[in-house]
Protein backbone atom coordinates (compact mmCIF):
# COMPACT_ATOMS: atom_id res chain seq x y z
CA MET A 1 5.65 -10.30 -8.02
CA ILE A 2 7.18 -10.47 -4.57
CA HIS A 3 6.59 -13.66 -2.66
CA GLU A 4 7.71 -12.48 0.76
CA LEU A 5 7.97 -9.01 2.18
CA PRO A 6 11.51 -8.22 3.33
CA LYS A 7 11.94 -7.81 7.05
CA PRO A 8 12.37 -4.15 8.03
CA TRP A 9 15.19 -4.94 10.46
CA TYR A 10 17.25 -6.62 7.69
CA ASP A 11 16.72 -4.18 4.83
CA PRO A 12 14.69 -1.08 5.77
CA ILE A 13 15.22 0.59 2.38
CA ALA A 14 13.75 -2.35 0.44
CA TYR A 15 10.89 -2.61 2.95
CA LYS A 16 10.01 1.08 2.52
CA LYS A 17 10.17 0.80 -1.27
CA ILE A 18 7.87 -2.21 -1.42
CA ARG A 19 5.39 -0.72 1.06
CA LEU A 20 5.24 2.53 -0.94
CA GLU A 21 4.65 0.56 -4.16
CA GLU A 22 1.90 -1.37 -2.40
CA ALA A 23 0.28 1.87 -1.24
CA LYS A 24 0.44 3.26 -4.78
CA PHE A 25 -1.20 0.17 -6.29
CA GLU A 26 -3.94 0.13 -3.66
CA ALA A 27 -4.65 3.83 -4.30
CA GLU A 28 -4.87 3.20 -8.05
CA ILE A 29 -7.38 0.41 -7.48
CA ALA A 30 -9.38 2.68 -5.16
CA LYS A 31 -9.45 5.36 -7.85
CA LYS A 32 -10.81 2.84 -10.38
CA PHE A 33 -13.50 1.83 -7.89
CA VAL A 34 -14.51 5.46 -7.40
CA ASN A 35 -14.78 5.92 -11.17
CA GLU A 36 -17.13 2.91 -11.26
CA ASN A 37 -19.19 4.29 -8.32
CA LEU A 38 -18.07 1.46 -6.03
CA THR A 39 -17.49 3.74 -3.08
CA ARG A 40 -17.60 1.09 -0.39
CA ASN A 41 -14.89 -0.96 -2.11
CA ALA A 42 -12.87 2.22 -2.72
CA THR A 43 -13.01 3.03 0.98
CA GLY A 44 -11.54 -0.35 1.86
CA LYS A 45 -8.75 0.08 -0.66
CA ASN A 46 -8.00 3.56 0.66
CA ILE A 47 -7.70 2.19 4.18
CA SER A 48 -5.32 -0.53 2.90
CA SER A 49 -3.33 2.09 1.05
CA MET A 50 -3.00 4.27 4.14
CA GLY A 51 -1.91 1.26 6.19
CA SER A 52 0.87 0.45 3.73
CA PHE A 53 1.90 4.08 3.62
CA SER A 54 2.01 4.42 7.40
CA CYS A 55 4.15 1.26 7.63
CA SER A 56 6.59 2.68 5.11
CA ILE A 57 7.02 5.98 6.93
CA SER A 58 7.28 4.37 10.37
CA CYS A 59 10.26 2.24 9.33
CA ARG A 60 13.61 3.83 10.15
């Protein structure tokens, strides 16, 4: 478990990697929620996943 997210201006590669992992985990949780018919919770997790993904691709 990571205690602090690395700063993108110090290590952009590590930042991208961690943000992509975060997006993957959030998407997996959303998929589990959909399978349990918890669509409202799944929507929130999908939005979190997309936020993490957009942060990872916006980092240079």
